N, C-alpha and C. Protein backbone atom coordinates (compact mmCIF):
# COMPACT_ATOMS: atom_id res chain seq x y z
N UNK A 1 -6.90 55.76 255.41
CA UNK A 1 -6.52 56.58 255.99
C UNK A 1 -6.16 57.34 254.82
N UNK A 2 -6.11 59.18 255.30
CA UNK A 2 -5.46 60.19 254.40
C UNK A 2 -4.57 60.48 254.96
N UNK A 3 -3.55 61.09 254.38
CA UNK A 3 -1.84 61.41 254.25
C UNK A 3 -2.22 63.54 254.19
N UNK A 4 -1.73 63.72 255.44
CA UNK A 4 -1.64 65.09 255.88
C UNK A 4 -0.65 65.96 254.74
N UNK A 5 -1.23 66.99 253.55
CA UNK A 5 -0.25 67.57 252.76
C UNK A 5 0.44 68.31 253.76
N UNK A 6 2.24 68.76 253.02
CA UNK A 6 2.59 70.01 254.03
C UNK A 6 2.11 70.89 252.88
N UNK A 7 2.49 71.77 253.41
CA UNK A 7 2.40 73.49 253.54
C UNK A 7 3.94 73.94 253.15
N UNK A 8 4.20 74.61 251.68
CA UNK A 8 5.81 75.17 251.74
C UNK A 8 5.44 76.51 251.50
N UNK A 9 7.28 76.34 251.71
CA UNK A 9 7.44 78.07 251.02
C UNK A 9 8.46 77.20 249.85
N UNK A 10 8.25 77.98 248.87
CA UNK A 10 8.75 77.64 248.19
C UNK A 10 9.84 78.55 247.28
N UNK A 11 11.51 78.76 247.58
CA UNK A 11 12.21 79.50 247.38
C UNK A 11 13.29 79.71 246.68
N UNK A 12 13.12 80.85 246.05
CA UNK A 12 13.73 80.82 244.26
C UNK A 12 15.50 81.26 245.17
N UNK A 13 16.98 80.78 244.70
CA UNK A 13 17.89 80.63 245.60
C UNK A 13 18.42 81.91 245.00
N UNK A 14 19.35 82.63 244.16
CA UNK A 14 19.65 84.17 243.82
C UNK A 14 18.41 85.38 244.03
N UNK A 15 19.06 85.89 245.51
CA UNK A 15 18.62 87.29 245.68
C UNK A 15 17.99 86.85 246.49
N UNK A 16 17.10 85.56 247.21
CA UNK A 16 16.31 85.44 248.04
C UNK A 16 17.18 85.05 249.21
N UNK A 17 17.96 83.44 248.53
CA UNK A 17 18.51 82.78 249.69
C UNK A 17 20.19 83.50 249.61
N UNK A 18 20.83 84.15 248.47
CA UNK A 18 22.15 84.50 249.10
C UNK A 18 22.47 85.78 248.23
N UNK A 19 23.02 86.33 248.08
CA UNK A 19 23.33 87.42 246.77
C UNK A 19 23.47 87.00 245.67
N UNK A 20 23.05 87.65 245.11
CA UNK A 20 23.04 87.37 243.39
C UNK A 20 24.05 88.33 242.98
N UNK A 21 24.78 86.60 242.40
CA UNK A 21 26.50 87.64 241.59
C UNK A 21 25.92 87.88 240.51
N UNK A 22 26.20 89.53 240.30
CA UNK A 22 25.90 90.33 239.14
C UNK A 22 27.13 90.87 238.45
N UNK A 23 28.00 91.34 237.29
CA UNK A 23 27.62 89.64 236.94
C UNK A 23 28.09 88.33 236.63
N UNK A 24 26.90 87.40 236.06
CA UNK A 24 27.61 85.76 235.69
C UNK A 24 26.83 85.07 237.53
N UNK A 25 27.96 84.38 237.44
CA UNK A 25 26.94 82.72 238.53
C UNK A 25 28.19 82.72 239.82
N UNK A 26 26.88 82.01 240.75
CA UNK A 26 27.68 81.72 241.55
C UNK A 26 28.14 80.64 241.40
N UNK A 27 29.74 80.05 240.91
CA UNK A 27 30.00 79.53 240.60
C UNK A 27 30.37 78.02 241.65
N UNK A 28 31.25 78.51 242.94
CA UNK A 28 31.71 77.69 243.82
C UNK A 28 31.05 78.42 245.30
N UNK A 29 31.38 77.33 246.39
CA UNK A 29 30.67 77.59 247.40
C UNK A 29 31.73 78.90 247.74
N UNK A 30 32.88 79.42 247.78
CA UNK A 30 33.42 80.67 247.95
C UNK A 30 32.91 81.99 247.58
N UNK A 31 32.09 81.60 246.46
CA UNK A 31 30.94 82.57 245.77
C UNK A 31 29.69 82.91 246.57
N UNK A 32 29.34 82.00 247.12
CA UNK A 32 28.31 81.97 248.16
C UNK A 32 27.61 82.69 249.22
N UNK A 33 27.95 83.95 249.56
CA UNK A 33 27.03 84.73 250.13
C UNK A 33 26.11 84.88 251.11
N UNK A 34 25.04 84.03 252.18
CA UNK A 34 23.99 83.62 252.59
C UNK A 34 23.63 85.35 252.80
N UNK A 35 22.55 85.60 252.58
CA UNK A 35 21.89 86.93 252.60
C UNK A 35 21.38 87.07 254.18
N UNK A 36 21.89 88.36 254.95
CA UNK A 36 21.84 88.05 256.52
C UNK A 36 19.99 88.41 256.51
N UNK A 37 19.04 87.88 256.27
CA UNK A 37 17.94 87.77 257.06
C UNK A 37 17.40 86.63 256.07
N UNK A 38 17.84 86.11 255.81
CA UNK A 38 17.03 84.99 255.13
C UNK A 38 17.05 83.98 256.61
N UNK A 39 18.43 83.32 257.57
CA UNK A 39 17.92 82.27 258.38
C UNK A 39 17.30 82.83 258.88
N UNK A 40 16.43 84.27 259.40
CA UNK A 40 15.42 84.32 260.36
C UNK A 40 13.45 84.41 259.82
N UNK A 41 13.65 84.92 258.44
CA UNK A 41 12.98 84.05 257.56
C UNK A 41 12.53 82.51 257.60
N UNK A 42 13.53 82.31 257.42
CA UNK A 42 13.52 80.62 256.85
C UNK A 42 12.57 80.62 258.76
N UNK A 43 13.66 80.69 259.87
CA UNK A 43 12.77 80.25 260.79
C UNK A 43 11.26 80.93 261.35
N UNK A 44 11.19 81.69 260.85
CA UNK A 44 9.89 82.00 261.27
C UNK A 44 8.65 81.51 260.06
N UNK A 45 8.90 81.04 258.67
CA UNK A 45 8.63 79.83 258.14
C UNK A 45 8.50 78.69 258.75
N UNK A 46 9.55 78.41 259.16
CA UNK A 46 9.40 76.50 259.71
C UNK A 46 8.05 76.86 260.64
N UNK A 47 9.32 77.84 261.67
CA UNK A 47 8.10 77.40 262.87
C UNK A 47 6.41 77.80 262.53
N UNK A 48 5.81 78.16 261.57
CA UNK A 48 4.28 78.75 261.33
C UNK A 48 4.49 76.63 260.37
N UNK A 49 5.08 75.96 260.21
CA UNK A 49 4.50 74.18 260.17
C UNK A 49 5.00 74.69 258.97
N UNK A 50 5.35 75.17 257.89
CA UNK A 50 6.15 75.06 257.09
C UNK A 50 7.24 74.52 256.28
N UNK A 51 7.31 74.02 255.21
CA UNK A 51 8.65 73.12 255.11
C UNK A 51 8.84 74.36 254.10
N UNK A 52 9.95 74.05 253.72
CA UNK A 52 11.34 74.53 252.56
C UNK A 52 11.67 74.48 251.39
N UNK A 53 11.48 74.55 250.33
CA UNK A 53 12.22 74.16 249.43
C UNK A 53 13.23 75.09 248.11
N UNK A 54 14.08 75.11 248.12
CA UNK A 54 14.75 76.30 246.73
C UNK A 54 14.67 75.52 246.04
N UNK A 55 13.98 76.32 244.81
CA UNK A 55 13.77 76.31 243.22
C UNK A 55 14.85 76.62 242.57
N UNK A 56 15.20 76.37 241.62
CA UNK A 56 16.36 77.10 241.12
C UNK A 56 16.96 77.11 239.58
N UNK A 57 17.09 78.16 238.11
CA UNK A 57 17.54 77.88 237.57
C UNK A 57 18.63 77.76 237.37
N UNK A 58 20.01 77.44 237.01
CA UNK A 58 21.45 77.24 236.78
C UNK A 58 21.53 76.70 235.48
N UNK A 59 21.40 77.96 234.42
CA UNK A 59 22.09 78.00 233.59
C UNK A 59 23.56 77.76 232.97
N UNK A 60 24.26 78.47 233.92
CA UNK A 60 25.88 78.27 234.01
C UNK A 60 25.93 76.76 234.55
N UNK A 61 25.51 76.01 234.16
CA UNK A 61 25.88 74.38 233.68
C UNK A 61 25.56 73.98 232.28
N UNK A 62 24.83 74.31 231.86
CA UNK A 62 24.66 74.16 230.22
C UNK A 62 25.28 74.90 229.89
N UNK A 63 26.11 75.62 230.28
CA UNK A 63 26.87 77.03 229.85
C UNK A 63 28.37 76.35 230.16
N UNK A 64 28.52 75.11 230.69
CA UNK A 64 29.47 75.20 231.08
C UNK A 64 30.37 75.80 231.68
N UNK A 65 29.96 76.93 232.81
CA UNK A 65 30.63 77.56 233.52
C UNK A 65 30.58 77.03 234.92
N UNK A 66 29.39 76.10 235.26
CA UNK A 66 29.76 75.15 236.20
C UNK A 66 29.85 73.79 236.17
N UNK A 67 29.67 72.57 236.98
CA UNK A 67 28.97 71.29 236.79
C UNK A 67 28.18 71.33 237.81
N UNK A 68 27.65 70.42 237.51
CA UNK A 68 25.83 70.13 238.09
C UNK A 68 26.88 69.67 239.62
N UNK A 69 27.69 69.09 239.76
CA UNK A 69 28.34 68.42 240.96
C UNK A 69 28.45 69.06 241.86
N UNK A 70 29.38 71.04 241.03
CA UNK A 70 29.47 71.90 241.73
C UNK A 70 28.39 72.69 242.05
N UNK A 71 27.35 72.92 241.47
CA UNK A 71 25.68 73.35 242.38
C UNK A 71 25.46 72.46 243.74
N UNK A 72 25.50 71.17 243.36
CA UNK A 72 24.71 70.19 244.06
C UNK A 72 25.76 70.43 245.33
N UNK A 73 27.60 70.54 245.22
CA UNK A 73 28.02 70.61 246.23
C UNK A 73 27.96 71.75 247.45
N UNK A 74 27.62 72.99 246.36
CA UNK A 74 26.72 74.57 246.77
C UNK A 74 25.44 74.05 247.76
N UNK A 75 24.65 73.36 247.44
CA UNK A 75 23.24 73.53 247.92
C UNK A 75 23.84 71.98 248.95
N UNK A 76 24.89 71.52 249.46
CA UNK A 76 24.65 70.65 250.09
C UNK A 76 26.17 71.51 251.63
N UNK A 77 26.38 72.38 251.24
CA UNK A 77 27.39 72.96 251.75
C UNK A 77 26.20 74.43 252.45
N UNK A 78 25.38 74.71 251.94
CA UNK A 78 24.15 75.53 252.16
C UNK A 78 23.00 74.73 253.07
N UNK A 79 23.33 73.54 252.96
CA UNK A 79 22.73 72.98 253.93
C UNK A 79 23.05 72.64 255.31
N UNK A 80 24.36 72.13 254.97
CA UNK A 80 25.20 72.35 256.28
C UNK A 80 24.51 73.54 256.91
N UNK A 81 25.35 74.76 256.66
CA UNK A 81 25.35 75.14 257.26
C UNK A 81 24.14 76.20 257.86
N UNK A 82 22.76 75.92 257.50
CA UNK A 82 21.54 76.08 257.70
C UNK A 82 21.99 75.44 258.72
N UNK A 83 21.51 73.19 258.86
CA UNK A 83 22.00 73.00 260.11
C UNK A 83 22.71 73.27 261.57
N UNK A 84 23.76 73.40 261.30
CA UNK A 84 24.90 73.27 261.41
C UNK A 84 24.46 74.75 262.75
N UNK A 85 24.43 76.20 261.94
CA UNK A 85 24.70 77.72 262.77
C UNK A 85 23.77 78.53 263.10
N UNK A 86 22.49 77.49 262.52
CA UNK A 86 20.80 77.85 262.78
C UNK A 86 20.01 77.23 263.09
N UNK A 87 20.17 75.57 263.17
CA UNK A 87 19.51 74.59 263.70
C UNK A 87 18.25 74.60 262.43
N UNK A 88 18.51 74.41 261.54
CA UNK A 88 17.48 75.34 259.89
C UNK A 88 17.14 73.84 258.59
N UNK A 89 16.32 73.63 259.19
CA UNK A 89 16.38 72.50 257.83
C UNK A 89 15.36 72.82 256.39
N UNK A 90 15.96 72.37 255.08
CA UNK A 90 15.29 72.37 253.83
C UNK A 90 14.26 71.08 253.51
N UNK A 91 13.77 71.20 252.83
CA UNK A 91 13.19 69.82 252.37
C UNK A 91 14.14 69.06 251.22
N UNK A 92 14.14 70.51 250.48
CA UNK A 92 14.45 69.45 248.93
C UNK A 92 15.13 71.18 248.69
N UNK A 93 15.95 70.88 247.66
CA UNK A 93 16.59 71.67 246.18
C UNK A 93 16.47 71.41 244.86
N UNK A 94 15.50 71.65 244.43
CA UNK A 94 15.57 71.40 242.98
C UNK A 94 15.85 72.79 242.10
N UNK A 95 16.87 72.16 240.83
CA UNK A 95 17.86 72.96 240.44
C UNK A 95 17.30 72.33 238.78
N UNK A 96 16.46 73.40 237.99
CA UNK A 96 16.75 73.35 236.32
C UNK A 96 18.63 73.69 235.91
N UNK A 97 18.99 72.56 235.30
CA UNK A 97 20.08 73.02 234.77
C UNK A 97 20.39 73.43 233.31
N UNK A 98 19.31 73.40 232.75
CA UNK A 98 18.82 73.99 231.28
C UNK A 98 19.25 75.22 230.89
N UNK A 99 19.49 74.99 229.79
CA UNK A 99 19.53 76.84 228.92
C UNK A 99 18.46 77.40 228.16
N UNK A 100 18.04 76.22 227.85
CA UNK A 100 17.01 77.15 226.38
C UNK A 100 15.23 77.08 227.56
N UNK A 101 14.67 78.16 226.78
CA UNK A 101 13.68 78.89 227.76
C UNK A 101 12.52 77.51 227.58
N UNK A 102 12.74 76.72 226.63
CA UNK A 102 11.41 75.69 225.99
C UNK A 102 11.60 74.90 226.87
N UNK A 103 12.79 75.19 227.28
CA UNK A 103 12.94 74.03 228.94
C UNK A 103 11.78 73.46 229.84
N UNK A 104 11.33 72.27 230.01
CA UNK A 104 10.14 72.00 230.89
C UNK A 104 9.98 72.35 232.47
N UNK A 105 11.40 72.37 232.61
CA UNK A 105 11.02 73.04 233.99
C UNK A 105 12.12 74.21 234.54
N UNK A 106 12.65 74.88 233.46
CA UNK A 106 13.18 76.57 233.63
C UNK A 106 12.14 76.86 233.83
N UNK A 107 12.18 78.02 235.00
CA UNK A 107 10.85 78.78 235.87
C UNK A 107 10.99 79.56 234.50
N UNK A 108 10.01 80.20 233.90
CA UNK A 108 8.35 80.43 234.40
C UNK A 108 7.83 78.77 234.46
N UNK A 109 8.22 77.92 233.59
CA UNK A 109 7.79 76.78 234.10
C UNK A 109 7.49 76.42 234.97
N UNK A 110 6.71 74.90 235.97
CA UNK A 110 5.99 75.04 237.11
C UNK A 110 6.96 74.21 237.38
N UNK A 111 6.95 72.95 236.81
CA UNK A 111 7.83 71.86 236.32
C UNK A 111 8.06 71.48 238.05
N UNK A 112 9.19 71.95 238.33
CA UNK A 112 9.91 72.25 239.82
C UNK A 112 9.30 72.14 241.18
N UNK A 113 8.12 72.74 241.25
CA UNK A 113 7.38 72.68 241.85
C UNK A 113 6.20 71.61 242.24
N UNK A 114 5.90 71.50 240.53
CA UNK A 114 4.84 69.55 240.81
C UNK A 114 5.62 69.25 241.03
N UNK A 115 7.12 69.07 241.01
CA UNK A 115 7.72 67.72 241.21
C UNK A 115 8.03 67.52 242.50
N UNK A 116 7.97 68.80 242.66
CA UNK A 116 8.58 68.81 244.71
C UNK A 116 7.30 68.14 245.34
N UNK A 117 5.87 69.19 244.81
CA UNK A 117 4.56 68.94 245.49
C UNK A 117 4.20 66.60 245.28
N UNK A 118 4.66 66.08 243.93
CA UNK A 118 4.54 64.81 244.30
C UNK A 118 5.26 64.00 244.88
N UNK A 119 6.60 64.15 244.96
CA UNK A 119 7.46 63.88 245.63
C UNK A 119 7.22 63.97 247.58
N UNK A 120 7.33 64.96 248.05
CA UNK A 120 6.59 65.78 249.08
C UNK A 120 5.91 65.52 249.37
N UNK A 121 4.42 65.50 248.46
CA UNK A 121 2.90 65.29 249.33
C UNK A 121 2.81 66.63 250.38
N UNK A 122 2.97 67.94 248.58
CA UNK A 122 2.92 69.08 249.11
C UNK A 122 1.87 69.58 248.52
N UNK A 123 0.77 70.71 249.41
CA UNK A 123 -0.93 70.98 248.98
C UNK A 123 -0.24 72.49 248.39
N UNK A 124 0.18 72.60 247.05
CA UNK A 124 0.72 73.30 246.00
C UNK A 124 -0.16 74.90 246.89
N UNK A 125 -1.72 74.99 246.88
CA UNK A 125 -2.71 75.35 246.63
C UNK A 125 -2.88 76.47 248.45
N UNK A 126 -2.01 75.47 248.95
CA UNK A 126 -1.65 76.08 250.92
C UNK A 126 -0.69 76.13 250.62
N UNK A 127 0.66 76.63 249.64
CA UNK A 127 2.16 77.25 249.66
C UNK A 127 1.94 78.43 249.36
N UNK A 128 3.43 78.41 249.20
CA UNK A 128 3.41 80.40 248.70
C UNK A 128 5.04 79.93 247.81
N UNK A 129 5.29 80.42 246.98
CA UNK A 129 6.69 80.63 246.21
C UNK A 129 6.74 82.07 246.78
N UNK A 130 8.63 82.12 246.67
CA UNK A 130 9.13 83.62 246.70
C UNK A 130 10.49 84.10 246.40
N UNK A 131 10.36 85.02 245.26
CA UNK A 131 11.29 85.00 244.57
C UNK A 131 11.43 86.40 244.25
N UNK A 132 12.57 86.93 243.60
CA UNK A 132 12.63 88.43 243.28
C UNK A 132 12.63 89.09 242.04
N UNK A 133 12.09 87.39 241.25
CA UNK A 133 11.50 88.12 239.66
C UNK A 133 10.47 87.57 239.06
N UNK A 134 9.94 87.98 238.29
CA UNK A 134 8.18 87.65 237.44
C UNK A 134 8.71 86.16 237.13
N UNK A 135 9.85 86.00 236.39
CA UNK A 135 9.54 84.42 236.19
C UNK A 135 8.81 82.98 237.62
N UNK A 136 10.01 83.79 238.35
CA UNK A 136 10.04 83.16 239.83
C UNK A 136 8.15 82.99 239.94
N UNK A 137 7.47 84.34 240.19
CA UNK A 137 5.98 84.84 240.12
C UNK A 137 4.80 83.36 239.39
N UNK A 138 5.18 83.83 238.31
CA UNK A 138 4.50 83.05 237.26
C UNK A 138 5.13 81.38 237.27
N UNK A 139 5.62 81.22 237.85
CA UNK A 139 6.05 79.64 238.36
C UNK A 139 5.10 79.47 239.25
N UNK A 140 5.31 80.07 240.26
CA UNK A 140 4.80 80.35 241.46
C UNK A 140 3.23 79.80 241.18
N UNK A 141 2.90 80.97 240.45
CA UNK A 141 1.18 81.01 239.98
C UNK A 141 0.60 79.69 239.52
N UNK A 142 1.71 79.33 238.46
CA UNK A 142 1.25 78.35 237.06
C UNK A 142 0.89 77.20 238.53
N UNK A 143 1.86 76.79 238.99
CA UNK A 143 1.61 75.53 239.82
C UNK A 143 0.75 76.14 241.43
N UNK A 144 -0.44 76.33 241.14
CA UNK A 144 -1.24 77.32 242.52
C UNK A 144 -0.73 77.47 243.51
N UNK A 145 0.40 78.03 243.60
CA UNK A 145 0.80 78.53 244.71
C UNK A 145 0.20 80.17 245.34
N UNK A 146 0.32 80.99 246.21
CA UNK A 146 0.80 82.43 246.26
C UNK A 146 1.80 82.84 246.36
N UNK A 147 2.24 83.71 245.94
CA UNK A 147 3.64 84.37 245.42
C UNK A 147 3.55 85.76 246.48
N UNK A 148 5.18 85.73 246.20
CA UNK A 148 5.98 86.88 247.23
C UNK A 148 6.51 87.45 246.05
N UNK A 149 6.61 88.44 245.61
CA UNK A 149 7.72 89.04 245.52
C UNK A 149 8.57 90.41 246.02
N UNK A 150 9.72 90.05 246.09
CA UNK A 150 11.12 91.04 246.74
C UNK A 150 11.75 91.91 245.70
N UNK A 151 11.24 92.50 246.00
CA UNK A 151 11.95 94.06 244.93
C UNK A 151 11.44 95.00 245.15
N UNK A 152 12.31 96.18 245.14
CA UNK A 152 11.89 97.18 245.11
C UNK A 152 12.23 98.33 244.11
N UNK A 153 12.32 97.70 243.10
CA UNK A 153 12.31 98.33 241.96
C UNK A 153 10.72 98.41 241.51
N UNK A 154 9.91 99.56 241.78
CA UNK A 154 8.65 99.93 240.65
C UNK A 154 8.48 99.17 239.48
N UNK A 155 7.80 97.98 239.61
CA UNK A 155 6.87 97.46 238.23
C UNK A 155 5.87 96.50 239.06
N UNK A 156 5.01 96.71 237.41
CA UNK A 156 4.14 96.10 237.63
C UNK A 156 4.22 94.81 238.23
N UNK A 157 3.13 93.70 239.03
CA UNK A 157 3.89 92.52 239.37
C UNK A 157 2.39 91.81 238.95
N UNK A 158 1.88 90.48 239.43
CA UNK A 158 0.96 89.63 239.54
C UNK A 158 1.32 89.33 240.90
N UNK A 159 2.00 89.59 241.63
CA UNK A 159 2.03 88.60 243.01
C UNK A 159 0.93 88.68 243.48
N UNK A 160 1.11 87.97 244.55
CA UNK A 160 -0.39 87.92 245.76
C UNK A 160 0.23 88.79 246.89
N UNK A 161 1.60 89.36 247.38
CA UNK A 161 1.63 89.89 247.62
C UNK A 161 3.44 90.78 247.58
N UNK A 162 3.81 92.16 247.32
CA UNK A 162 5.14 92.80 247.42
C UNK A 162 5.70 93.69 248.73
N UNK A 163 7.07 93.09 249.18
CA UNK A 163 7.81 93.37 249.98
C UNK A 163 8.88 93.80 249.48
N UNK A 164 9.84 94.72 250.03
CA UNK A 164 10.81 95.74 249.36
C UNK A 164 12.09 94.76 249.73
N UNK A 165 12.56 94.45 250.15
CA UNK A 165 13.73 93.58 250.91
C UNK A 165 13.99 92.76 251.45
N UNK A 166 14.32 91.75 251.70
CA UNK A 166 14.48 89.99 252.30
C UNK A 166 14.53 90.30 254.01
N UNK A 167 14.95 91.71 254.42
CA UNK A 167 14.76 92.13 255.82
C UNK A 167 13.51 93.05 256.52
N UNK A 168 12.77 93.17 255.49
CA UNK A 168 10.76 93.17 254.95
C UNK A 168 10.32 92.42 254.97
N UNK A 169 11.02 91.30 254.29
CA UNK A 169 10.30 89.79 254.23
C UNK A 169 9.94 89.48 255.68
N UNK A 170 11.49 89.57 256.06
CA UNK A 170 11.82 88.87 257.52
C UNK A 170 10.43 89.88 258.90
N UNK A 171 10.81 90.76 258.46
CA UNK A 171 9.48 91.23 259.53
C UNK A 171 7.98 91.13 259.00
N UNK A 172 7.60 90.97 257.77
CA UNK A 172 6.51 90.33 257.57
C UNK A 172 5.96 89.23 257.26
N UNK A 173 6.66 88.20 257.58
CA UNK A 173 6.51 86.49 256.80
C UNK A 173 5.23 86.00 257.53
N UNK A 174 5.36 86.16 258.59
CA UNK A 174 4.15 85.79 259.79
C UNK A 174 2.91 86.22 259.34
N UNK A 175 2.83 87.62 259.22
CA UNK A 175 1.85 87.83 259.07
C UNK A 175 0.89 87.73 257.18
N UNK A 176 2.10 87.62 256.64
CA UNK A 176 1.59 86.94 255.10
C UNK A 176 1.66 85.43 255.41
N UNK A 177 2.16 84.45 255.54
CA UNK A 177 1.44 83.22 256.04
C UNK A 177 0.62 83.13 256.93
N UNK A 178 -0.16 83.83 257.28
CA UNK A 178 -1.75 83.59 258.20
C UNK A 178 -3.14 83.86 257.05
N UNK A 179 -2.61 84.56 256.30
CA UNK A 179 -3.67 85.01 255.84
C UNK A 179 -4.39 83.44 255.23
């Protein structure tokens, strides 16, 4: 008997799920500000049968700016908020707490996506990675996913799709995922 594989939308955290701290890091839940169009975008992703997994580099842990436990508390609070206020669920949150670019899990390396796929029976070829930097896009491509860059800055990208903002993504996500 074959097991049906899941389709997933992998999501970078800072800049996609929440407002990016510039400069610095999201160190505590008090620093975390959910982007206003994220819940609607996630609602559409889930309605189309995709699961959702956050894939995030958090080098502030390696730098001693925050602890892994603090990062885990932020993610637990995020999951609780999404469930309580929006009825939405994240399948998982994958974190690279390392600083070194040579780390095998730090984006643009695809290890977090590959690990999530193995853990949750995800079909990477039927999945998407959404991010706001080229390292997010590269991680998705290396894992075999299609990709969406969310950026209004003019630059070259190898992303499958590009949208200017999370507002635009919330408006277009159904059409993009239906491709």
